[in-house]
Amino acid sequence: MILLFSVFKDFEIKAVDSLSKLLYNERFKDFEASLRGFMGKLDGNLLRCLKLAFLELYMTDNLTEYRREEFLALLDTLVSLPQDNLRNKVFVAVANSVGAIFYGRRGDILKALSLGNVAFNLFQRDKGAKSRNL
């Protein structure tokens, strides 16, 4: 939780909370409309992470591969962000986590484990580097 407050501003956390409520209540059209309403007001990568989660849930919930290419393009964009600051690392970790869910639900366990491992180790590397520098 402390990580969230150090990386995201209060209004971003509130926006994510309101969008998440729409998403988890499967109000997909309302979610997309609200997401468009936040364009220019929230960080583009934050919006991309939210859309990535939406697309994965939408496809899973509707048992469809419609929008798969859009999901994969967005995933590629997010996982290749430069990891030069904590905020971007959070976005990369979220993208890898959602990607792991996507591939796991489709039975590609090795790809899912690979992405999940990247997400987990992003912050483990920092922890190890800090302890070595003490």
C-alpha atoms as a PDB file:
ATOM      1  CA  MET A   1       0.000   0.000   0.000  1.00  0.00           C
ATOM      2  CA  ILE A   2       2.853   2.382   0.794  1.00  0.00           C
ATOM      3  CA  LEU A   3       4.197   1.728  -2.703  1.00  0.00           C
ATOM      4  CA  LEU A   4       0.922   2.965  -4.201  1.00  0.00           C
ATOM      5  CA  PHE A   5       1.018   6.226  -2.280  1.00  0.00           C
ATOM      6  CA  SER A   6       4.630   6.857  -3.188  1.00  0.00           C
ATOM      7  CA  VAL A   7       4.054   6.183  -6.897  1.00  0.00           C
ATOM      8  CA  PHE A   8       0.550   7.499  -7.557  1.00  0.00           C
ATOM      9  CA  LYS A   9      -1.157  10.745  -6.706  1.00  0.00           C
ATOM     10  CA  ASP A  10      -4.335  10.728  -4.650  1.00  0.00           C
ATOM     11  CA  PHE A  11      -6.554  11.639  -7.624  1.00  0.00           C
ATOM     12  CA  GLU A  12      -5.026   8.784  -9.656  1.00  0.00           C
ATOM     13  CA  ILE A  13      -5.783   6.281  -6.905  1.00  0.00           C
ATOM     14  CA  LYS A  14      -9.371   7.547  -6.702  1.00  0.00           C
ATOM     15  CA  ALA A  15      -9.750   7.309 -10.490  1.00  0.00           C
ATOM     16  CA  VAL A  16      -8.407   3.743 -10.512  1.00  0.00           C
ATOM     17  CA  ASP A  17     -10.786   2.851  -7.698  1.00  0.00           C
ATOM     18  CA  SER A  18     -13.823   4.236  -9.528  1.00  0.00           C
ATOM     19  CA  LEU A  19     -12.834   2.564 -12.800  1.00  0.00           C
ATOM     20  CA  SER A  20     -12.119  -0.720 -11.037  1.00  0.00           C
ATOM     21  CA  LYS A  21     -15.610  -0.750  -9.543  1.00  0.00           C
ATOM     22  CA  LEU A  22     -17.083  -0.485 -13.036  1.00  0.00           C
ATOM     23  CA  LEU A  23     -14.764  -3.175 -14.325  1.00  0.00           C
ATOM     24  CA  TYR A  24     -15.403  -5.668 -11.547  1.00  0.00           C
ATOM     25  CA  ASN A  25     -19.148  -5.135 -11.807  1.00  0.00           C
ATOM     26  CA  GLU A  26     -18.814  -5.990 -15.510  1.00  0.00           C
ATOM     27  CA  ARG A  27     -20.116  -2.605 -16.620  1.00  0.00           C
ATOM     28  CA  PHE A  28     -17.817  -2.769 -19.630  1.00  0.00           C
ATOM     29  CA  LYS A  29     -19.427  -0.019 -21.715  1.00  0.00           C
ATOM     30  CA  ASP A  30     -19.445   2.359 -18.743  1.00  0.00           C
ATOM     31  CA  PHE A  31     -15.825   1.464 -18.056  1.00  0.00           C
ATOM     32  CA  GLU A  32     -14.721   2.266 -21.603  1.00  0.00           C
ATOM     33  CA  ALA A  33     -16.652   5.542 -21.602  1.00  0.00           C
ATOM     34  CA  SER A  34     -15.131   6.553 -18.276  1.00  0.00           C
ATOM     35  CA  LEU A  35     -11.668   5.539 -19.448  1.00  0.00           C
ATOM     36  CA  ARG A  36     -12.040   7.829 -22.473  1.00  0.00           C
ATOM     37  CA  GLY A  37     -13.157  10.591 -20.121  1.00  0.00           C
ATOM     38  CA  PHE A  38      -9.886  10.321 -18.222  1.00  0.00           C
ATOM     39  CA  MET A  39      -7.719  10.698 -21.335  1.00  0.00           C
ATOM     40  CA  GLY A  40      -5.503  13.724 -20.935  1.00  0.00           C
ATOM     41  CA  LYS A  41      -6.238  13.813 -17.205  1.00  0.00           C
ATOM     42  CA  LEU A  42      -4.363  10.673 -16.156  1.00  0.00           C
ATOM     43  CA  ASP A  43      -0.989   9.274 -17.129  1.00  0.00           C
ATOM     44  CA  GLY A  44      -1.249   7.447 -20.453  1.00  0.00           C
ATOM     45  CA  ASN A  45       0.507   4.369 -19.095  1.00  0.00           C
ATOM     46  CA  LEU A  46      -1.895   4.179 -16.180  1.00  0.00           C
ATOM     47  CA  LEU A  47      -4.783   4.275 -18.654  1.00  0.00           C
ATOM     48  CA  ARG A  48      -3.078   1.595 -20.762  1.00  0.00           C
ATOM     49  CA  CYS A  49      -2.730  -0.691 -17.729  1.00  0.00           C
ATOM     50  CA  LEU A  50      -6.394  -0.238 -16.909  1.00  0.00           C
ATOM     51  CA  LYS A  51      -7.384  -0.949 -20.503  1.00  0.00           C
ATOM     52  CA  LEU A  52      -5.167  -4.042 -20.538  1.00  0.00           C
ATOM     53  CA  ALA A  53      -6.944  -5.388 -17.454  1.00  0.00           C
ATOM     54  CA  PHE A  54     -10.297  -4.513 -19.017  1.00  0.00           C
ATOM     55  CA  LEU A  55      -9.514  -6.333 -22.269  1.00  0.00           C
ATOM     56  CA  GLU A  56      -8.375  -9.465 -20.446  1.00  0.00           C
ATOM     57  CA  LEU A  57     -11.457  -9.542 -18.255  1.00  0.00           C
ATOM     58  CA  TYR A  58     -13.755  -8.730 -21.180  1.00  0.00           C
ATOM     59  CA  MET A  59     -12.378 -11.579 -23.300  1.00  0.00           C
ATOM     60  CA  THR A  60     -12.461 -14.030 -20.406  1.00  0.00           C
ATOM     61  CA  ASP A  61     -15.924 -13.054 -19.254  1.00  0.00           C
ATOM     62  CA  ASN A  62     -17.373 -13.221 -22.759  1.00  0.00           C
ATOM     63  CA  LEU A  63     -15.440 -16.344 -23.806  1.00  0.00           C
ATOM     64  CA  THR A  64     -14.112 -14.547 -26.864  1.00  0.00           C
ATOM     65  CA  GLU A  65     -10.812 -13.719 -28.506  1.00  0.00           C
ATOM     66  CA  TYR A  66     -12.313 -10.550 -29.945  1.00  0.00           C
ATOM     67  CA  ARG A  67      -9.825  -7.746 -29.218  1.00  0.00           C
ATOM     68  CA  ARG A  68      -6.946 -10.203 -28.693  1.00  0.00           C
ATOM     69  CA  GLU A  69      -4.681  -8.319 -31.100  1.00  0.00           C
ATOM     70  CA  GLU A  70      -5.464  -5.048 -29.342  1.00  0.00           C
ATOM     71  CA  PHE A  71      -4.609  -6.691 -26.015  1.00  0.00           C
ATOM     72  CA  LEU A  72      -1.324  -8.135 -27.298  1.00  0.00           C
ATOM     73  CA  ALA A  73      -0.236  -4.818 -28.850  1.00  0.00           C
ATOM     74  CA  LEU A  74      -0.991  -3.020 -25.588  1.00  0.00           C
ATOM     75  CA  LEU A  75       0.845  -5.704 -23.608  1.00  0.00           C
ATOM     76  CA  ASP A  76       3.916  -5.317 -25.843  1.00  0.00           C
ATOM     77  CA  THR A  77       3.857  -1.545 -25.386  1.00  0.00           C
ATOM     78  CA  LEU A  78       3.680  -1.763 -21.604  1.00  0.00           C
ATOM     79  CA  VAL A  79       6.210  -4.541 -21.003  1.00  0.00           C
ATOM     80  CA  SER A  80       8.782  -2.674 -23.090  1.00  0.00           C
ATOM     81  CA  LEU A  81       8.581   0.577 -21.122  1.00  0.00           C
ATOM     82  CA  PRO A  82      11.972   1.754 -19.865  1.00  0.00           C
ATOM     83  CA  GLN A  83      12.367   0.701 -16.245  1.00  0.00           C
ATOM     84  CA  ASP A  84      14.195   3.870 -15.290  1.00  0.00           C
ATOM     85  CA  ASN A  85      11.848   4.873 -12.488  1.00  0.00           C
ATOM     86  CA  LEU A  86       9.588   3.234  -9.914  1.00  0.00           C
ATOM     87  CA  ARG A  87       6.396   4.353 -11.646  1.00  0.00           C
ATOM     88  CA  ASN A  88       7.338   2.641 -14.909  1.00  0.00           C
ATOM     89  CA  LYS A  89       8.384  -0.483 -13.005  1.00  0.00           C
ATOM     90  CA  VAL A  90       4.911  -0.645 -11.499  1.00  0.00           C
ATOM     91  CA  PHE A  91       3.365  -0.369 -14.974  1.00  0.00           C
ATOM     92  CA  VAL A  92       5.673  -3.087 -16.326  1.00  0.00           C
ATOM     93  CA  ALA A  93       4.884  -5.343 -13.355  1.00  0.00           C
ATOM     94  CA  VAL A  94       1.126  -4.836 -13.785  1.00  0.00           C
ATOM     95  CA  ALA A  95       1.352  -5.547 -17.515  1.00  0.00           C
ATOM     96  CA  ASN A  96       3.363  -8.721 -16.957  1.00  0.00           C
ATOM     97  CA  SER A  97       0.907  -9.846 -14.264  1.00  0.00           C
ATOM     98  CA  VAL A  98      -2.123  -9.296 -16.496  1.00  0.00           C
ATOM     99  CA  GLY A  99      -0.264 -10.986 -19.353  1.00  0.00           C
ATOM    100  CA  ALA A 100       0.407 -13.967 -17.078  1.00  0.00           C
ATOM    101  CA  ILE A 101      -3.308 -14.227 -16.340  1.00  0.00           C
ATOM    102  CA  PHE A 102      -4.124 -13.944 -20.051  1.00  0.00           C
ATOM    103  CA  TYR A 103      -1.773 -16.746 -21.067  1.00  0.00           C
ATOM    104  CA  GLY A 104      -2.573 -18.906 -18.047  1.00  0.00           C
ATOM    105  CA  ARG A 105      -6.288 -18.852 -18.828  1.00  0.00           C
ATOM    106  CA  ARG A 106      -5.473 -19.973 -22.348  1.00  0.00           C
ATOM    107  CA  GLY A 107      -3.348 -22.891 -21.189  1.00  0.00           C
ATOM    108  CA  ASP A 108       0.071 -21.472 -22.135  1.00  0.00           C
ATOM    109  CA  ILE A 109       1.500 -22.138 -18.699  1.00  0.00           C
ATOM    110  CA  LEU A 110       5.151 -21.579 -19.611  1.00  0.00           C
ATOM    111  CA  LYS A 111       4.418 -18.127 -21.026  1.00  0.00           C
ATOM    112  CA  ALA A 112       2.236 -17.326 -18.005  1.00  0.00           C
ATOM    113  CA  LEU A 113       4.962 -18.396 -15.578  1.00  0.00           C
ATOM    114  CA  SER A 114       7.571 -16.457 -17.517  1.00  0.00           C
ATOM    115  CA  LEU A 115       5.568 -13.212 -17.381  1.00  0.00           C
ATOM    116  CA  GLY A 116       4.648 -13.754 -13.742  1.00  0.00           C
ATOM    117  CA  ASN A 117       8.291 -14.335 -12.901  1.00  0.00           C
ATOM    118  CA  VAL A 118       9.276 -11.052 -14.583  1.00  0.00           C
ATOM    119  CA  ALA A 119       6.623  -9.180 -12.601  1.00  0.00           C
ATOM    120  CA  PHE A 120       7.738 -10.731  -9.323  1.00  0.00           C
ATOM    121  CA  ASN A 121      11.446 -10.225  -9.909  1.00  0.00           C
ATOM    122  CA  LEU A 122      11.224  -6.575 -10.947  1.00  0.00           C
ATOM    123  CA  PHE A 123      11.102  -5.554  -7.313  1.00  0.00           C
ATOM    124  CA  GLN A 124      13.194  -8.417  -5.968  1.00  0.00           C
ATOM    125  CA  ARG A 125      16.185  -7.118  -7.971  1.00  0.00           C
ATOM    126  CA  ASP A 126      15.862  -3.703  -6.326  1.00  0.00           C
ATOM    127  CA  LYS A 127      15.583  -5.258  -2.893  1.00  0.00           C
ATOM    128  CA  GLY A 128      18.734  -7.309  -3.457  1.00  0.00           C
ATOM    129  CA  ALA A 129      20.661  -4.334  -4.834  1.00  0.00           C
ATOM    130  CA  LYS A 130      19.726  -2.194  -1.846  1.00  0.00           C
ATOM    131  CA  SER A 131      20.784  -4.844   0.656  1.00  0.00           C
ATOM    132  CA  ARG A 132      24.154  -5.289  -1.141  1.00  0.00           C
ATOM    133  CA  ASN A 133      24.733  -1.535  -1.001  1.00  0.00           C
ATOM    134  CA  LEU A 134      24.253  -1.339   2.781  1.00  0.00           C
END
